[in-house]
Amino acid sequence: MGEKRHGKPVAFETVQAAIQGDVDSINQIIAYFQPYINARSRRKFINEFGVAEFVTDEYMKRRVETKLITKILDFKIRV
């Protein structure tokens, strides 16, 4: 069976910086989750020729990204 390859995990320091509001760190986290977000934001679309195809719903994608950003900023690390 084929093995799924994931990107390098986000460093703990990057997560800490993202929680503090660092824009570059937040963008790194969003980039890490981008393949998952794209996969979950697909919808079936029937074009003018009647052919069904799956396309990324940009509105849904932006909503998921926005929700991820708000959860990052609300995240608390217990020490």
PDB file of N, CA and C in Angstrom:
ATOM      1  N   MET A   1       0.826  -1.187   0.000  1.00  0.00           N
ATOM      2  CA  MET A   1       0.000   0.000   0.000  1.00  0.00           C
ATOM      3  C   MET A   1       0.871   1.251   0.000  1.00  0.00           C
ATOM      4  N   GLY A   2       0.346   2.290  -0.617  1.00  0.00           N
ATOM      5  CA  GLY A   2       1.078   3.546  -0.660  1.00  0.00           C
ATOM      6  C   GLY A   2       1.073   4.229   0.689  1.00  0.00           C
ATOM      7  N   GLU A   3       2.141   4.848   0.997  1.00  0.00           N
ATOM      8  CA  GLU A   3       2.275   5.539   2.272  1.00  0.00           C
ATOM      9  C   GLU A   3       2.044   7.024   2.041  1.00  0.00           C
ATOM     10  N   LYS A   4       1.186   7.634   2.887  1.00  0.00           N
ATOM     11  CA  LYS A   4       0.946   9.066   2.764  1.00  0.00           C
ATOM     12  C   LYS A   4       2.145   9.823   3.303  1.00  0.00           C
ATOM     13  N   ARG A   5       2.548  10.812   2.600  1.00  0.00           N
ATOM     14  CA  ARG A   5       3.677  11.632   3.030  1.00  0.00           C
ATOM     15  C   ARG A   5       3.147  12.985   3.478  1.00  0.00           C
ATOM     16  N   HIS A   6       3.477  13.329   4.677  1.00  0.00           N
ATOM     17  CA  HIS A   6       3.054  14.613   5.220  1.00  0.00           C
ATOM     18  C   HIS A   6       4.257  15.539   5.279  1.00  0.00           C
ATOM     19  N   GLY A   7       3.951  16.816   5.277  1.00  0.00           N
ATOM     20  CA  GLY A   7       5.027  17.788   5.400  1.00  0.00           C
ATOM     21  C   GLY A   7       5.644  17.734   6.788  1.00  0.00           C
ATOM     22  N   LYS A   8       6.745  18.389   6.934  1.00  0.00           N
ATOM     23  CA  LYS A   8       7.423  18.448   8.221  1.00  0.00           C
ATOM     24  C   LYS A   8       6.497  19.132   9.228  1.00  0.00           C
ATOM     25  N   PRO A   9       6.321  18.547  10.410  1.00  0.00           N
ATOM     26  CA  PRO A   9       5.430  19.157  11.405  1.00  0.00           C
ATOM     27  C   PRO A   9       5.885  20.568  11.766  1.00  0.00           C
ATOM     28  N   VAL A  10       4.941  21.352  12.188  1.00  0.00           N
ATOM     29  CA  VAL A  10       5.224  22.731  12.583  1.00  0.00           C
ATOM     30  C   VAL A  10       5.960  22.709  13.923  1.00  0.00           C
ATOM     31  N   ALA A  11       7.012  23.473  14.017  1.00  0.00           N
ATOM     32  CA  ALA A  11       7.815  23.526  15.237  1.00  0.00           C
ATOM     33  C   ALA A  11       7.027  24.157  16.384  1.00  0.00           C
ATOM     34  N   PHE A  12       7.318  23.705  17.592  1.00  0.00           N
ATOM     35  CA  PHE A  12       6.638  24.227  18.776  1.00  0.00           C
ATOM     36  C   PHE A  12       6.832  25.734  18.912  1.00  0.00           C
ATOM     37  N   GLU A  13       8.017  26.210  18.595  1.00  0.00           N
ATOM     38  CA  GLU A  13       8.293  27.649  18.682  1.00  0.00           C
ATOM     39  C   GLU A  13       7.413  28.438  17.716  1.00  0.00           C
ATOM     40  N   THR A  14       7.145  27.840  16.553  1.00  0.00           N
ATOM     41  CA  THR A  14       6.267  28.487  15.573  1.00  0.00           C
ATOM     42  C   THR A  14       4.847  28.569  16.106  1.00  0.00           C
ATOM     43  N   VAL A  15       4.396  27.509  16.750  1.00  0.00           N
ATOM     44  CA  VAL A  15       3.052  27.507  17.346  1.00  0.00           C
ATOM     45  C   VAL A  15       2.972  28.568  18.432  1.00  0.00           C
ATOM     46  N   GLN A  16       3.979  28.644  19.272  1.00  0.00           N
ATOM     47  CA  GLN A  16       3.992  29.667  20.322  1.00  0.00           C
ATOM     48  C   GLN A  16       3.926  31.072  19.733  1.00  0.00           C
ATOM     49  N   ALA A  17       4.698  31.310  18.689  1.00  0.00           N
ATOM     50  CA  ALA A  17       4.687  32.631  18.052  1.00  0.00           C
ATOM     51  C   ALA A  17       3.334  32.921  17.412  1.00  0.00           C
ATOM     52  N   ALA A  18       2.716  31.906  16.821  1.00  0.00           N
ATOM     53  CA  ALA A  18       1.404  32.089  16.193  1.00  0.00           C
ATOM     54  C   ALA A  18       0.345  32.435  17.233  1.00  0.00           C
ATOM     55  N   ILE A  19       0.417  31.799  18.393  1.00  0.00           N
ATOM     56  CA  ILE A  19      -0.526  32.099  19.466  1.00  0.00           C
ATOM     57  C   ILE A  19      -0.390  33.558  19.900  1.00  0.00           C
ATOM     58  N   GLN A  20       0.836  34.068  19.852  1.00  0.00           N
ATOM     59  CA  GLN A  20       1.084  35.466  20.214  1.00  0.00           C
ATOM     60  C   GLN A  20       0.669  36.439  19.109  1.00  0.00           C
ATOM     61  N   GLY A  21       0.305  35.914  17.922  1.00  0.00           N
ATOM     62  CA  GLY A  21      -0.181  36.770  16.846  1.00  0.00           C
ATOM     63  C   GLY A  21       0.803  37.033  15.731  1.00  0.00           C
ATOM     64  N   ASP A  22       1.921  36.331  15.707  1.00  0.00           N
ATOM     65  CA  ASP A  22       2.905  36.518  14.643  1.00  0.00           C
ATOM     66  C   ASP A  22       2.330  36.036  13.309  1.00  0.00           C
ATOM     67  N   VAL A  23       2.223  36.931  12.358  1.00  0.00           N
ATOM     68  CA  VAL A  23       1.568  36.650  11.080  1.00  0.00           C
ATOM     69  C   VAL A  23       2.306  35.578  10.284  1.00  0.00           C
ATOM     70  N   ASP A  24       3.634  35.631  10.253  1.00  0.00           N
ATOM     71  CA  ASP A  24       4.407  34.639   9.505  1.00  0.00           C
ATOM     72  C   ASP A  24       4.202  33.237  10.076  1.00  0.00           C
ATOM     73  N   SER A  25       4.141  33.134  11.385  1.00  0.00           N
ATOM     74  CA  SER A  25       3.919  31.832  12.015  1.00  0.00           C
ATOM     75  C   SER A  25       2.525  31.298  11.718  1.00  0.00           C
ATOM     76  N   ILE A  26       1.542  32.169  11.751  1.00  0.00           N
ATOM     77  CA  ILE A  26       0.176  31.756  11.419  1.00  0.00           C
ATOM     78  C   ILE A  26       0.126  31.263   9.977  1.00  0.00           C
ATOM     79  N   ASN A  27       0.793  31.970   9.082  1.00  0.00           N
ATOM     80  CA  ASN A  27       0.827  31.548   7.681  1.00  0.00           C
ATOM     81  C   ASN A  27       1.513  30.199   7.497  1.00  0.00           C
ATOM     82  N   GLN A  28       2.547  29.917   8.305  1.00  0.00           N
ATOM     83  CA  GLN A  28       3.209  28.614   8.235  1.00  0.00           C
ATOM     84  C   GLN A  28       2.261  27.497   8.660  1.00  0.00           C
ATOM     85  N   ILE A  29       1.467  27.744   9.692  1.00  0.00           N
ATOM     86  CA  ILE A  29       0.507  26.735  10.150  1.00  0.00           C
ATOM     87  C   ILE A  29      -0.576  26.521   9.100  1.00  0.00           C
ATOM     88  N   ILE A  30      -1.065  27.602   8.517  1.00  0.00           N
ATOM     89  CA  ILE A  30      -2.082  27.471   7.466  1.00  0.00           C
ATOM     90  C   ILE A  30      -1.514  26.720   6.273  1.00  0.00           C
ATOM     91  N   ALA A  31      -0.270  26.995   5.911  1.00  0.00           N
ATOM     92  CA  ALA A  31       0.363  26.284   4.794  1.00  0.00           C
ATOM     93  C   ALA A  31       0.489  24.792   5.098  1.00  0.00           C
ATOM     94  N   TYR A  32       0.763  24.453   6.346  1.00  0.00           N
ATOM     95  CA  TYR A  32       0.881  23.041   6.737  1.00  0.00           C
ATOM     96  C   TYR A  32      -0.453  22.316   6.549  1.00  0.00           C
ATOM     97  N   PHE A  33      -1.563  22.984   6.910  1.00  0.00           N
ATOM     98  CA  PHE A  33      -2.879  22.371   6.822  1.00  0.00           C
ATOM     99  C   PHE A  33      -3.557  22.574   5.460  1.00  0.00           C
ATOM    100  N   GLN A  34      -2.919  23.282   4.542  1.00  0.00           N
ATOM    101  CA  GLN A  34      -3.524  23.596   3.248  1.00  0.00           C
ATOM    102  C   GLN A  34      -3.994  22.364   2.467  1.00  0.00           C
ATOM    103  N   PRO A  35      -3.210  21.287   2.368  1.00  0.00           N
ATOM    104  CA  PRO A  35      -3.714  20.119   1.637  1.00  0.00           C
ATOM    105  C   PRO A  35      -4.997  19.547   2.243  1.00  0.00           C
ATOM    106  N   TYR A  36      -5.075  19.518   3.564  1.00  0.00           N
ATOM    107  CA  TYR A  36      -6.280  19.022   4.234  1.00  0.00           C
ATOM    108  C   TYR A  36      -7.459  19.956   3.974  1.00  0.00           C
ATOM    109  N   ILE A  37      -7.227  21.252   4.079  1.00  0.00           N
ATOM    110  CA  ILE A  37      -8.288  22.232   3.851  1.00  0.00           C
ATOM    111  C   ILE A  37      -8.796  22.138   2.415  1.00  0.00           C
ATOM    112  N   ASN A  38      -7.877  22.022   1.456  1.00  0.00           N
ATOM    113  CA  ASN A  38      -8.287  21.905   0.055  1.00  0.00           C
ATOM    114  C   ASN A  38      -9.116  20.644  -0.179  1.00  0.00           C
ATOM    115  N   ALA A  39      -8.710  19.545   0.432  1.00  0.00           N
ATOM    116  CA  ALA A  39      -9.432  18.285   0.248  1.00  0.00           C
ATOM    117  C   ALA A  39     -10.838  18.366   0.827  1.00  0.00           C
ATOM    118  N   ARG A  40     -10.981  19.020   1.956  1.00  0.00           N
ATOM    119  CA  ARG A  40     -12.293  19.113   2.608  1.00  0.00           C
ATOM    120  C   ARG A  40     -13.168  20.224   2.037  1.00  0.00           C
ATOM    121  N   SER A  41     -12.625  21.077   1.189  1.00  0.00           N
ATOM    122  CA  SER A  41     -13.396  22.191   0.619  1.00  0.00           C
ATOM    123  C   SER A  41     -13.837  21.917  -0.811  1.00  0.00           C
ATOM    124  N   ARG A  42     -13.859  20.667  -1.223  1.00  0.00           N
ATOM    125  CA  ARG A  42     -14.219  20.328  -2.597  1.00  0.00           C
ATOM    126  C   ARG A  42     -15.714  20.054  -2.688  1.00  0.00           C
ATOM    127  N   ARG A  43     -16.306  20.521  -3.790  1.00  0.00           N
ATOM    128  CA  ARG A  43     -17.725  20.303  -4.057  1.00  0.00           C
ATOM    129  C   ARG A  43     -17.902  19.787  -5.478  1.00  0.00           C
ATOM    130  N   LYS A  44     -18.950  19.031  -5.636  1.00  0.00           N
ATOM    131  CA  LYS A  44     -19.282  18.520  -6.973  1.00  0.00           C
ATOM    132  C   LYS A  44     -19.930  19.647  -7.767  1.00  0.00           C
ATOM    133  N   PHE A  45     -19.433  19.850  -8.968  1.00  0.00           N
ATOM    134  CA  PHE A  45     -19.922  20.904  -9.846  1.00  0.00           C
ATOM    135  C   PHE A  45     -20.205  20.291 -11.212  1.00  0.00           C
ATOM    136  N   ILE A  46     -21.348  20.617 -11.786  1.00  0.00           N
ATOM    137  CA  ILE A  46     -21.686  20.133 -13.120  1.00  0.00           C
ATOM    138  C   ILE A  46     -21.528  21.308 -14.079  1.00  0.00           C
ATOM    139  N   ASN A  47     -20.610  21.138 -15.033  1.00  0.00           N
ATOM    140  CA  ASN A  47     -20.327  22.246 -15.951  1.00  0.00           C
ATOM    141  C   ASN A  47     -21.404  22.337 -17.039  1.00  0.00           C
ATOM    142  N   GLU A  48     -21.225  23.283 -17.958  1.00  0.00           N
ATOM    143  CA  GLU A  48     -22.244  23.530 -18.998  1.00  0.00           C
ATOM    144  C   GLU A  48     -22.415  22.366 -19.969  1.00  0.00           C
ATOM    145  N   PHE A  49     -21.468  21.425 -19.972  1.00  0.00           N
ATOM    146  CA  PHE A  49     -21.564  20.261 -20.841  1.00  0.00           C
ATOM    147  C   PHE A  49     -22.171  19.063 -20.129  1.00  0.00           C
ATOM    148  N   GLY A  50     -22.553  19.236 -18.860  1.00  0.00           N
ATOM    149  CA  GLY A  50     -23.156  18.164 -18.092  1.00  0.00           C
ATOM    150  C   GLY A  50     -22.153  17.213 -17.466  1.00  0.00           C
ATOM    151  N   VAL A  51     -20.890  17.598 -17.472  1.00  0.00           N
ATOM    152  CA  VAL A  51     -19.846  16.757 -16.902  1.00  0.00           C
ATOM    153  C   VAL A  51     -19.634  17.155 -15.439  1.00  0.00           C
ATOM    154  N   ALA A  52     -19.674  16.171 -14.557  1.00  0.00           N
ATOM    155  CA  ALA A  52     -19.467  16.438 -13.137  1.00  0.00           C
ATOM    156  C   ALA A  52     -17.971  16.483 -12.842  1.00  0.00           C
ATOM    157  N   GLU A  53     -17.569  17.483 -12.103  1.00  0.00           N
ATOM    158  CA  GLU A  53     -16.183  17.598 -11.680  1.00  0.00           C
ATOM    159  C   GLU A  53     -16.162  18.166 -10.268  1.00  0.00           C
ATOM    160  N   PHE A  54     -15.101  17.880  -9.552  1.00  0.00           N
ATOM    161  CA  PHE A  54     -14.957  18.400  -8.206  1.00  0.00           C
ATOM    162  C   PHE A  54     -14.029  19.606  -8.240  1.00  0.00           C
ATOM    163  N   VAL A  55     -14.523  20.702  -7.673  1.00  0.00           N
ATOM    164  CA  VAL A  55     -13.750  21.946  -7.639  1.00  0.00           C
ATOM    165  C   VAL A  55     -13.687  22.450  -6.205  1.00  0.00           C
ATOM    166  N   THR A  56     -12.684  23.249  -5.920  1.00  0.00           N
ATOM    167  CA  THR A  56     -12.544  23.823  -4.587  1.00  0.00           C
ATOM    168  C   THR A  56     -13.528  24.966  -4.418  1.00  0.00           C
ATOM    169  N   ASP A  57     -14.315  24.883  -3.370  1.00  0.00           N
ATOM    170  CA  ASP A  57     -15.243  25.954  -3.014  1.00  0.00           C
ATOM    171  C   ASP A  57     -14.444  27.000  -2.233  1.00  0.00           C
ATOM    172  N   GLU A  58     -14.117  28.101  -2.883  1.00  0.00           N
ATOM    173  CA  GLU A  58     -13.256  29.117  -2.285  1.00  0.00           C
ATOM    174  C   GLU A  58     -13.883  29.739  -1.038  1.00  0.00           C
ATOM    175  N   TYR A  59     -15.192  29.903  -1.040  1.00  0.00           N
ATOM    176  CA  TYR A  59     -15.860  30.474   0.130  1.00  0.00           C
ATOM    177  C   TYR A  59     -15.691  29.554   1.338  1.00  0.00           C
ATOM    178  N   MET A  60     -15.913  28.264   1.140  1.00  0.00           N
ATOM    179  CA  MET A  60     -15.752  27.309   2.224  1.00  0.00           C
ATOM    180  C   MET A  60     -14.297  27.257   2.689  1.00  0.00           C
ATOM    181  N   LYS A  61     -13.376  27.286   1.741  1.00  0.00           N
ATOM    182  CA  LYS A  61     -11.949  27.250   2.061  1.00  0.00           C
ATOM    183  C   LYS A  61     -11.565  28.438   2.938  1.00  0.00           C
ATOM    184  N   ARG A  62     -12.016  29.631   2.583  1.00  0.00           N
ATOM    185  CA  ARG A  62     -11.708  30.837   3.362  1.00  0.00           C
ATOM    186  C   ARG A  62     -12.330  30.768   4.753  1.00  0.00           C
ATOM    187  N   ARG A  63     -13.533  30.203   4.851  1.00  0.00           N
ATOM    188  CA  ARG A  63     -14.180  30.072   6.162  1.00  0.00           C
ATOM    189  C   ARG A  63     -13.385  29.136   7.064  1.00  0.00           C
ATOM    190  N   VAL A  64     -12.891  28.029   6.515  1.00  0.00           N
ATOM    191  CA  VAL A  64     -12.103  27.087   7.308  1.00  0.00           C
ATOM    192  C   VAL A  64     -10.791  27.743   7.736  1.00  0.00           C
ATOM    193  N   GLU A  65     -10.150  28.468   6.833  1.00  0.00           N
ATOM    194  CA  GLU A  65      -8.907  29.158   7.181  1.00  0.00           C
ATOM    195  C   GLU A  65      -9.145  30.200   8.268  1.00  0.00           C
ATOM    196  N   THR A  66     -10.245  30.937   8.161  1.00  0.00           N
ATOM    197  CA  THR A  66     -10.568  31.939   9.166  1.00  0.00           C
ATOM    198  C   THR A  66     -10.817  31.294  10.516  1.00  0.00           C
ATOM    199  N   LYS A  67     -11.524  30.168  10.520  1.00  0.00           N
ATOM    200  CA  LYS A  67     -11.787  29.446  11.761  1.00  0.00           C
ATOM    201  C   LYS A  67     -10.488  28.935  12.366  1.00  0.00           C
ATOM    202  N   LEU A  68      -9.576  28.446  11.542  1.00  0.00           N
ATOM    203  CA  LEU A  68      -8.284  27.977  12.027  1.00  0.00           C
ATOM    204  C   LEU A  68      -7.509  29.127  12.672  1.00  0.00           C
ATOM    205  N   ILE A  69      -7.514  30.286  12.046  1.00  0.00           N
ATOM    206  CA  ILE A  69      -6.808  31.445  12.598  1.00  0.00           C
ATOM    207  C   ILE A  69      -7.391  31.833  13.952  1.00  0.00           C
ATOM    208  N   THR A  70      -8.710  31.870  14.069  1.00  0.00           N
ATOM    209  CA  THR A  70      -9.320  32.241  15.347  1.00  0.00           C
ATOM    210  C   THR A  70      -9.003  31.218  16.428  1.00  0.00           C
ATOM    211  N   LYS A  71      -8.966  29.944  16.074  1.00  0.00           N
ATOM    212  CA  LYS A  71      -8.625  28.908  17.059  1.00  0.00           C
ATOM    213  C   LYS A  71      -7.154  28.984  17.465  1.00  0.00           C
ATOM    214  N   ILE A  72      -6.289  29.336  16.533  1.00  0.00           N
ATOM    215  CA  ILE A  72      -4.870  29.511  16.868  1.00  0.00           C
ATOM    216  C   ILE A  72      -4.720  30.637  17.885  1.00  0.00           C
ATOM    217  N   LEU A  73      -5.380  31.751  17.632  1.00  0.00           N
ATOM    218  CA  LEU A  73      -5.246  32.915  18.510  1.00  0.00           C
ATOM    219  C   LEU A  73      -5.898  32.694  19.875  1.00  0.00           C
ATOM    220  N   ASP A  74      -6.908  31.813  19.955  1.00  0.00           N
ATOM    221  CA  ASP A  74      -7.574  31.505  21.224  1.00  0.00           C
ATOM    222  C   ASP A  74      -6.886  30.375  21.993  1.00  0.00           C
ATOM    223  N   PHE A  75      -5.921  29.705  21.366  1.00  0.00           N
ATOM    224  CA  PHE A  75      -5.296  28.522  21.952  1.00  0.00           C
ATOM    225  C   PHE A  75      -4.450  28.892  23.165  1.00  0.00           C
ATOM    226  N   LYS A  76      -4.572  28.080  24.208  1.00  0.00           N
ATOM    227  CA  LYS A  76      -3.785  28.278  25.423  1.00  0.00           C
ATOM    228  C   LYS A  76      -2.906  27.046  25.639  1.00  0.00           C
ATOM    229  N   ILE A  77      -1.640  27.271  25.933  1.00  0.00           N
ATOM    230  CA  ILE A  77      -0.719  26.176  26.240  1.00  0.00           C
ATOM    231  C   ILE A  77      -0.577  26.097  27.756  1.00  0.00           C
ATOM    232  N   ARG A  78      -0.936  24.935  28.301  1.00  0.00           N
ATOM    233  CA  ARG A  78      -0.785  24.725  29.739  1.00  0.00           C
ATOM    234  C   ARG A  78       0.636  24.279  30.042  1.00  0.00           C
ATOM    235  N   VAL A  79       1.218  24.922  31.010  1.00  0.00           N
ATOM    236  CA  VAL A  79       2.600  24.582  31.371  1.00  0.00           C
ATOM    237  C   VAL A  79       2.632  23.900  32.720  1.00  0.00           C
TER     238      VAL A  79
END
